[in-house]
Amino acid sequence: MIPSVTAVILTNRTLTGFVNTWVFEPPVESTQRPSILDSRPVNLGSRRWKRPGQQRHQGIPNAEGTVGSEQIMIMQQDSAKSKTVARPPASVRLGAVSYLNSRPLIQDLSELLPGSSVELDYPSRLADSLADGEMDVALIPSIEYFRRPGYEIISDACVAARGEVMSVKLYCRVHPGKVRRMALDEGSRTSATLSKVILAERYGSFPESEPLSMDSMTTDSAADAVLLIGDRAMHTPQESFVEVMDLGQMWYDWTGLPFVFAMWVAHTSADTTGVASALNEARDRGLANVTDIAKSESAKLGIAETVALNYLTKNLHYRMTAAERSGLQLFHELASRHNLVNQNANLVFSDFVTA
């Protein structure tokens, strides 16, 4: 059992490795899955899958989460629990991404989950901390959900895009089909996999990859292509490139489906009673307060307030619906084809309900 604490501790690792900590006093309490793509190699080429609501070719997921007449396996656990009001555990160790894109998801968590800790870190580190049992719930890269057994998605709050995402870019010094060496942001797991999938499926390119430290920029690597994610990808690079690929836009133009970059995940054995409702409420409060978030965070990042606001309200969205589930399922299928993920993973949700 996790001991109760008397304050919420919010920790943020900065780019230089220092740790910032904020303490909030809690308020006094009152009284076999069907395959979307068949086993034969498919050259998707430039074919664009139609958006939800339009007629689709057989084998392409629709917004209702079906493939032709086959239903995507979504395991709803203990749905009866959603009928009652549940109190969260006395203390929950949470981890959230230390980027602008996650700020609306952690609004007022100190109030909603009193006595719990929230650590802000890079996506890859959050994934490792959750896997190692150092956290109970974390906003992890979506690909990490498929790589480890025993996880469940506990909230419909997520970080997703339906088009240009702005903060996930692949900078190519050569034509994408000629990329032979690619430097991947060490903070990334999902975007690194997505870049490999897009280069392989769209351009027939299978480059070797090398790490790019989380405090480096494109000029620090001589690779044919450099992947940057997060806040630093929102700044204009200091050099010119043959092509700059916004991976959110690439995915959407190709598939017509949203892409989920991160979601709230926990071990199926963890006691997350009432946590989902708190996370959903935090998201709703954050979106209601998004103008203030954009104002305060833009000053820290050195970007225009309007850029930050458009990013949080137009480039990103924060609710997982059936369309996002279909996008997740397709991403898993494509990553599996290239042996980048566990091929037998299923989407497992707790008792939250999505539209």
Protein backbone atom coordinates (compact mmCIF):
# COMPACT_ATOMS: atom_id res chain seq x y z
CA MET A 1 0.00 0.00 0.00
CA ILE A 2 1.27 3.46 -0.90
CA PRO A 3 1.55 5.67 2.21
CA SER A 4 -0.58 8.81 2.27
CA VAL A 5 1.19 12.14 2.02
CA THR A 6 0.07 15.57 3.16
CA ALA A 7 0.93 17.53 0.03
CA VAL A 8 0.98 17.15 -3.71
CA ILE A 9 4.51 17.26 -5.08
CA LEU A 10 4.87 18.38 -8.69
CA THR A 11 8.30 17.61 -10.11
CA ASN A 12 9.70 18.68 -13.46
CA ARG A 13 13.04 17.63 -14.95
CA THR A 14 14.35 20.46 -17.11
CA LEU A 15 16.41 20.15 -20.26
CA THR A 16 19.56 20.72 -18.23
CA GLY A 17 18.75 17.86 -15.90
CA PHE A 18 17.77 19.94 -12.88
CA VAL A 19 14.61 19.08 -11.00
CA ASN A 20 11.98 21.68 -10.19
CA THR A 21 9.55 20.86 -7.42
CA TRP A 22 6.30 22.53 -6.41
CA VAL A 23 4.30 21.59 -3.33
CA PHE A 24 0.56 22.06 -3.07
CA GLU A 25 -1.32 21.60 0.18
CA PRO A 26 -4.38 19.41 -0.46
CA PRO A 27 -7.81 20.77 0.39
CA VAL A 28 -9.61 19.47 3.45
CA GLU A 29 -11.89 16.66 2.44
CA SER A 30 -15.63 16.97 2.94
CA THR A 31 -18.08 14.33 4.18
CA GLN A 32 -7.27 -13.47 -31.33
CA ARG A 33 -8.21 -9.52 -32.19
CA PRO A 34 -9.20 -9.37 -35.91
CA SER A 35 -6.51 -7.87 -38.14
CA ILE A 36 -7.30 -4.63 -39.91
CA LEU A 37 -4.78 -5.43 -42.63
CA ASP A 38 -4.43 -8.95 -43.98
CA SER A 39 -1.17 -10.88 -43.77
CA ARG A 40 -0.15 -10.11 -47.33
CA PRO A 41 2.25 -7.19 -47.84
CA VAL A 42 0.24 -4.16 -48.88
CA ASN A 43 1.68 -1.14 -50.65
CA LEU A 44 -0.53 1.63 -49.32
CA GLY A 45 1.16 4.10 -51.63
CA SER A 46 -0.67 7.39 -51.86
CA ARG A 47 -4.14 5.94 -51.32
CA ARG A 48 -5.98 8.07 -48.81
CA TRP A 49 -8.42 6.38 -46.47
CA LYS A 50 -11.66 8.23 -46.16
CA ARG A 51 -12.69 10.04 -43.04
CA PRO A 52 -15.29 8.58 -40.66
CA GLY A 53 -18.78 8.73 -42.13
CA GLN A 54 -17.67 8.20 -45.75
CA GLN A 55 -17.77 4.92 -47.63
CA ARG A 56 -14.61 2.86 -47.09
CA HIS A 57 -12.89 -0.02 -48.80
CA GLN A 58 -13.19 -3.34 -46.98
CA GLY A 59 -10.44 -3.72 -44.41
CA ILE A 60 -10.27 -0.05 -43.42
CA PRO A 61 -11.51 0.84 -39.92
CA ASN A 62 -14.44 3.20 -39.56
CA ALA A 63 -15.26 5.60 -36.74
CA GLU A 64 -17.40 2.98 -35.02
CA GLY A 65 -14.34 0.81 -34.50
CA THR A 66 -15.29 -1.88 -37.01
CA VAL A 67 -13.44 -3.48 -39.88
CA GLY A 68 -15.93 -4.51 -42.53
CA SER A 69 -18.25 -6.73 -40.51
CA GLU A 70 -15.61 -7.49 -37.91
CA GLN A 71 -15.60 -5.70 -34.56
CA ILE A 72 -12.31 -4.48 -33.10
CA MET A 73 -11.77 -6.20 -29.78
CA ILE A 74 -12.12 -3.66 -27.01
CA MET A 75 -12.25 -5.20 -23.59
CA GLN A 76 -14.39 -3.15 -21.23
CA GLN A 77 -13.60 -4.20 -17.67
CA ASP A 78 -15.97 -3.93 -14.74
CA SER A 79 -18.33 -1.58 -16.54
CA ALA A 80 -20.74 -1.81 -13.64
CA LYS A 81 -18.29 0.21 -11.53
CA SER A 82 -19.05 3.29 -13.62
CA LYS A 83 -22.54 3.31 -12.17
CA THR A 84 -21.26 4.27 -8.72
CA VAL A 85 -19.22 7.18 -7.42
CA ALA A 86 -15.79 5.88 -6.39
CA ARG A 87 -13.23 7.52 -4.16
CA PRO A 88 -9.63 7.40 -5.49
CA PRO A 89 -6.85 5.81 -3.42
CA ALA A 90 -5.27 7.92 -0.67
CA SER A 91 -2.15 8.43 -2.78
CA VAL A 92 -1.44 7.91 -6.47
CA ARG A 93 1.92 8.38 -8.17
CA LEU A 94 1.26 10.00 -11.54
CA GLY A 95 3.55 11.00 -14.38
CA ALA A 96 2.79 13.49 -17.14
CA VAL A 97 4.73 14.75 -20.14
CA SER A 98 6.88 17.82 -19.52
CA TYR A 99 5.74 19.53 -22.73
CA LEU A 100 3.20 22.23 -23.49
CA ASN A 101 0.87 19.66 -25.02
CA SER A 102 0.15 18.00 -21.67
CA ARG A 103 -0.62 21.15 -19.68
CA PRO A 104 -4.39 21.01 -20.24
CA LEU A 105 -4.42 17.44 -18.93
CA ILE A 106 -3.03 18.21 -15.47
CA GLN A 107 -5.13 21.22 -14.52
CA ASP A 108 -6.04 21.17 -10.80
CA LEU A 109 -4.83 17.60 -10.26
CA SER A 110 -3.63 18.70 -6.82
CA GLU A 111 -7.24 19.43 -5.93
CA LEU A 112 -8.78 16.47 -7.73
CA LEU A 113 -6.33 13.90 -6.34
CA PRO A 114 -5.22 15.29 -2.97
CA GLY A 115 -2.27 13.52 -1.42
CA SER A 116 -0.93 12.32 -4.77
CA SER A 117 2.29 13.18 -6.57
CA VAL A 118 2.66 14.29 -10.18
CA GLU A 119 6.06 14.10 -11.87
CA LEU A 120 6.71 15.80 -15.20
CA ASP A 121 9.26 14.12 -17.44
CA TYR A 122 10.03 13.15 -21.01
CA PRO A 123 7.66 10.60 -22.60
CA SER A 124 10.27 7.86 -22.85
CA ARG A 125 11.24 8.23 -19.19
CA LEU A 126 7.61 8.11 -18.10
CA ALA A 127 7.18 4.85 -19.98
CA ASP A 128 10.18 3.34 -18.19
CA SER A 129 9.05 4.59 -14.78
CA LEU A 130 5.60 3.06 -15.22
CA ALA A 131 7.10 -0.23 -16.40
CA ASP A 132 9.46 -0.32 -13.42
CA GLY A 133 6.64 0.25 -10.94
CA GLU A 134 7.86 3.71 -9.94
CA MET A 135 4.52 5.21 -11.01
CA ASP A 136 0.94 4.03 -10.71
CA VAL A 137 -0.49 5.99 -13.64
CA ALA A 138 1.36 7.77 -16.45
CA LEU A 139 0.70 9.66 -19.66
CA ILE A 140 2.90 7.42 -21.77
CA PRO A 141 3.68 7.21 -25.51
CA SER A 142 0.92 5.20 -27.17
CA ILE A 143 3.38 2.71 -28.68
CA GLU A 144 4.58 1.72 -25.20
CA TYR A 145 1.10 0.48 -24.36
CA PHE A 146 1.46 -2.15 -27.09
CA ARG A 147 4.98 -3.16 -26.08
CA ARG A 148 4.22 -4.27 -22.53
CA PRO A 149 1.57 -6.72 -21.31
CA GLY A 150 -0.68 -5.99 -18.38
CA TYR A 151 -1.58 -2.38 -19.19
CA GLU A 152 -4.98 -0.74 -19.52
CA ILE A 153 -6.08 2.67 -20.76
CA ILE A 154 -7.85 4.25 -17.81
CA SER A 155 -9.12 7.58 -19.16
CA ASP A 156 -10.44 9.02 -22.40
CA ALA A 157 -8.13 11.99 -21.90
CA CYS A 158 -5.26 11.77 -24.38
CA VAL A 159 -2.97 13.81 -26.64
CA ALA A 160 -4.08 13.39 -30.24
CA ALA A 161 -4.09 15.20 -33.58
CA ARG A 162 -6.25 15.21 -36.69
CA GLY A 163 -3.77 16.78 -39.04
CA GLU A 164 -0.82 19.07 -38.44
CA VAL A 165 0.55 18.57 -34.93
CA MET A 166 3.40 21.15 -35.06
CA SER A 167 5.48 19.44 -32.36
CA VAL A 168 6.48 16.19 -34.12
CA LYS A 169 8.66 16.79 -37.17
CA LEU A 170 11.08 14.82 -39.28
CA TYR A 171 13.69 17.11 -40.86
CA CYS A 172 15.04 15.50 -44.05
CA ARG A 173 18.31 16.60 -45.64
CA VAL A 174 17.64 14.27 -48.58
CA HIS A 175 14.47 13.00 -50.23
CA PRO A 176 12.60 10.77 -47.73
CA GLY A 177 13.08 7.77 -50.01
CA LYS A 178 16.85 8.23 -49.82
CA VAL A 179 17.16 8.48 -46.03
CA ARG A 180 19.73 5.93 -44.89
CA ARG A 181 20.54 7.26 -41.41
CA MET A 182 18.03 8.85 -39.07
CA ALA A 183 18.62 10.54 -35.69
CA LEU A 184 15.72 9.97 -33.30
CA ASP A 185 14.84 12.22 -30.38
CA GLU A 186 15.58 10.22 -27.23
CA GLY A 187 12.46 11.62 -25.61
CA SER A 188 10.34 9.91 -28.22
CA ARG A 189 9.01 6.37 -28.58
CA THR A 190 5.73 6.76 -30.46
CA SER A 191 7.00 9.38 -32.92
CA ALA A 192 10.17 7.37 -33.54
CA THR A 193 8.04 4.37 -34.49
CA LEU A 194 5.69 6.51 -36.58
CA SER A 195 8.61 7.95 -38.54
CA LYS A 196 9.89 4.43 -39.30
CA VAL A 197 6.43 3.29 -40.39
CA ILE A 198 5.90 6.28 -42.68
CA LEU A 199 9.35 6.00 -44.30
CA ALA A 200 8.89 2.27 -44.83
CA GLU A 201 5.29 2.28 -46.06
CA ARG A 202 5.26 5.51 -48.04
CA TYR A 203 8.82 5.71 -49.36
CA GLY A 204 10.28 2.20 -49.14
CA SER A 205 13.07 3.51 -46.92
CA PHE A 206 14.45 1.52 -43.97
CA PRO A 207 17.17 3.71 -42.44
CA GLU A 208 19.47 2.87 -39.59
CA SER A 209 18.67 4.90 -36.51
CA GLU A 210 20.79 6.60 -33.90
CA PRO A 211 19.86 8.49 -30.72
CA LEU A 212 19.65 12.26 -30.52
CA SER A 213 20.03 13.56 -26.97
CA MET A 214 17.13 15.50 -25.54
CA ASP A 215 19.09 18.76 -25.37
CA SER A 216 20.30 18.57 -28.99
CA MET A 217 18.98 20.25 -32.13
CA THR A 218 19.13 19.34 -35.81
CA THR A 219 22.54 20.98 -36.19
CA ASP A 220 23.98 18.51 -33.68
CA SER A 221 23.49 15.56 -36.04
CA ALA A 222 24.82 14.80 -39.51
CA ALA A 223 22.15 12.15 -40.19
CA ASP A 224 20.06 12.23 -43.36
CA ALA A 225 16.97 12.92 -41.26
CA VAL A 226 16.43 14.18 -37.72
CA LEU A 227 13.31 13.64 -35.62
CA LEU A 228 12.41 16.29 -33.06
CA ILE A 229 9.41 16.22 -30.75
CA GLY A 230 7.86 18.47 -28.14
CA ASP A 231 8.41 22.15 -27.54
CA ARG A 232 11.72 22.43 -29.41
CA ALA A 233 10.12 21.10 -32.61
CA MET A 234 7.89 24.19 -32.61
CA HIS A 235 10.82 26.52 -33.27
CA THR A 236 12.13 27.26 -36.76
CA PRO A 237 15.39 25.34 -37.37
CA GLN A 238 18.64 27.16 -38.10
CA GLU A 239 19.25 25.35 -41.38
CA SER A 240 17.31 24.51 -44.53
CA PHE A 241 16.05 21.02 -45.41
CA VAL A 242 14.92 19.20 -48.52
CA GLU A 243 11.68 18.34 -46.73
CA VAL A 244 10.18 18.92 -43.28
CA MET A 245 7.53 16.34 -42.50
CA ASP A 246 4.88 17.05 -39.88
CA LEU A 247 4.11 13.47 -38.89
CA GLY A 248 0.62 14.25 -37.63
CA GLN A 249 -0.27 15.72 -41.02
CA MET A 250 1.42 12.87 -42.89
CA TRP A 251 -0.57 10.28 -40.95
CA TYR A 252 -3.91 12.05 -41.40
CA ASP A 253 -3.43 12.73 -45.11
CA TRP A 254 -2.53 9.07 -45.59
CA THR A 255 -5.16 7.38 -43.42
CA GLY A 256 -7.88 9.93 -42.69
CA LEU A 257 -7.71 8.86 -39.03
CA PRO A 258 -6.57 10.74 -35.91
CA PHE A 259 -3.24 9.86 -34.36
CA VAL A 260 -2.93 9.33 -30.60
CA PHE A 261 0.51 10.33 -29.32
CA ALA A 262 0.00 9.72 -25.59
CA MET A 263 -2.66 8.40 -23.21
CA TRP A 264 -3.20 7.70 -19.52
CA VAL A 265 -2.19 4.12 -18.76
CA ALA A 266 -1.90 1.96 -15.64
CA HIS A 267 -1.10 -1.64 -14.78
CA THR A 268 -4.28 -3.71 -14.75
CA SER A 269 -3.41 -4.74 -11.19
CA ALA A 270 -3.20 -1.14 -9.91
CA ASP A 271 -5.92 0.38 -7.76
CA THR A 272 -7.11 3.27 -9.92
CA THR A 273 -10.57 3.59 -8.43
CA GLY A 274 -11.87 7.07 -9.16
CA VAL A 275 -8.67 8.16 -10.90
CA ALA A 276 -10.20 8.14 -14.40
CA SER A 277 -12.91 10.60 -13.41
CA ALA A 278 -10.28 12.88 -11.85
CA LEU A 279 -8.14 12.78 -15.00
CA ASN A 280 -11.14 13.50 -17.21
CA GLU A 281 -12.16 16.39 -14.98
CA ALA A 282 -8.59 17.76 -15.05
CA ARG A 283 -8.73 17.69 -18.85
CA ASP A 284 -12.07 19.48 -18.92
CA ARG A 285 -10.84 22.17 -16.53
CA GLY A 286 -7.64 22.57 -18.52
CA LEU A 287 -9.51 23.14 -21.75
CA ALA A 288 -11.76 25.65 -20.03
CA ASN A 289 -8.61 27.45 -18.86
CA VAL A 290 -6.61 26.98 -22.06
CA THR A 291 -6.24 30.71 -22.80
CA ASP A 292 -4.46 31.29 -19.50
CA ILE A 293 -2.31 28.19 -20.05
CA ALA A 294 -1.25 29.45 -23.48
CA LYS A 295 -0.40 32.86 -22.07
CA SER A 296 1.79 31.59 -19.23
CA GLU A 297 3.49 28.78 -21.15
CA SER A 298 4.22 30.78 -24.32
CA ALA A 299 6.34 33.21 -22.33
CA LYS A 300 8.40 30.33 -20.94
CA LEU A 301 8.91 28.76 -24.37
CA GLY A 302 9.63 31.94 -26.27
CA ILE A 303 6.77 31.53 -28.73
CA ALA A 304 3.85 33.82 -29.52
CA GLU A 305 0.79 33.45 -27.33
CA THR A 306 -1.39 32.98 -30.42
CA VAL A 307 0.86 30.14 -31.60
CA ALA A 308 0.55 28.39 -28.24
CA LEU A 309 -3.22 28.86 -28.16
CA ASN A 310 -3.72 27.58 -31.71
CA TYR A 311 -1.49 24.62 -30.92
CA LEU A 312 -3.54 23.64 -27.86
CA THR A 313 -6.94 24.26 -29.42
CA LYS A 314 -6.58 23.58 -33.16
CA ASN A 315 -3.60 21.29 -33.66
CA LEU A 316 -4.32 19.03 -30.70
CA HIS A 317 -7.39 17.50 -29.16
CA TYR A 318 -7.71 15.65 -25.90
CA ARG A 319 -10.58 13.17 -26.05
CA MET A 320 -10.36 9.58 -27.24
CA THR A 321 -13.37 8.61 -29.33
CA ALA A 322 -14.00 5.62 -31.58
CA ALA A 323 -12.00 7.32 -34.35
CA GLU A 324 -8.94 7.59 -32.10
CA ARG A 325 -9.32 3.93 -31.18
CA SER A 326 -9.34 3.02 -34.86
CA GLY A 327 -6.22 5.11 -35.38
CA LEU A 328 -4.50 3.35 -32.49
CA GLN A 329 -5.46 -0.05 -33.86
CA LEU A 330 -4.15 0.79 -37.32
CA PHE A 331 -0.89 2.15 -35.91
CA HIS A 332 -0.43 -1.12 -34.04
CA GLU A 333 -1.07 -3.13 -37.20
CA LEU A 334 1.50 -1.17 -39.20
CA ALA A 335 4.11 -1.20 -36.43
CA SER A 336 3.59 -4.96 -36.06
CA ARG A 337 4.24 -5.48 -39.75
CA HIS A 338 7.74 -4.06 -39.25
CA ASN A 339 8.37 -5.90 -35.96
CA LEU A 340 8.37 -2.66 -33.99
CA VAL A 341 5.78 -3.80 -31.45
CA ASN A 342 4.18 -6.87 -29.85
CA GLN A 343 1.92 -8.36 -32.50
CA ASN A 344 -0.50 -9.92 -30.01
CA ALA A 345 -1.43 -6.77 -28.08
CA ASN A 346 -5.08 -5.80 -27.63
CA LEU A 347 -6.66 -2.49 -26.78
CA VAL A 348 -7.83 -2.81 -23.17
CA PHE A 349 -9.87 -0.03 -21.60
CA SER A 350 -11.10 0.33 -18.06
CA ASP A 351 -14.64 1.47 -17.32
CA PHE A 352 -14.59 4.92 -18.91
CA VAL A 353 -16.99 5.60 -21.77
CA THR A 354 -16.17 7.40 -25.03
CA ALA A 355 -18.47 8.77 -27.66
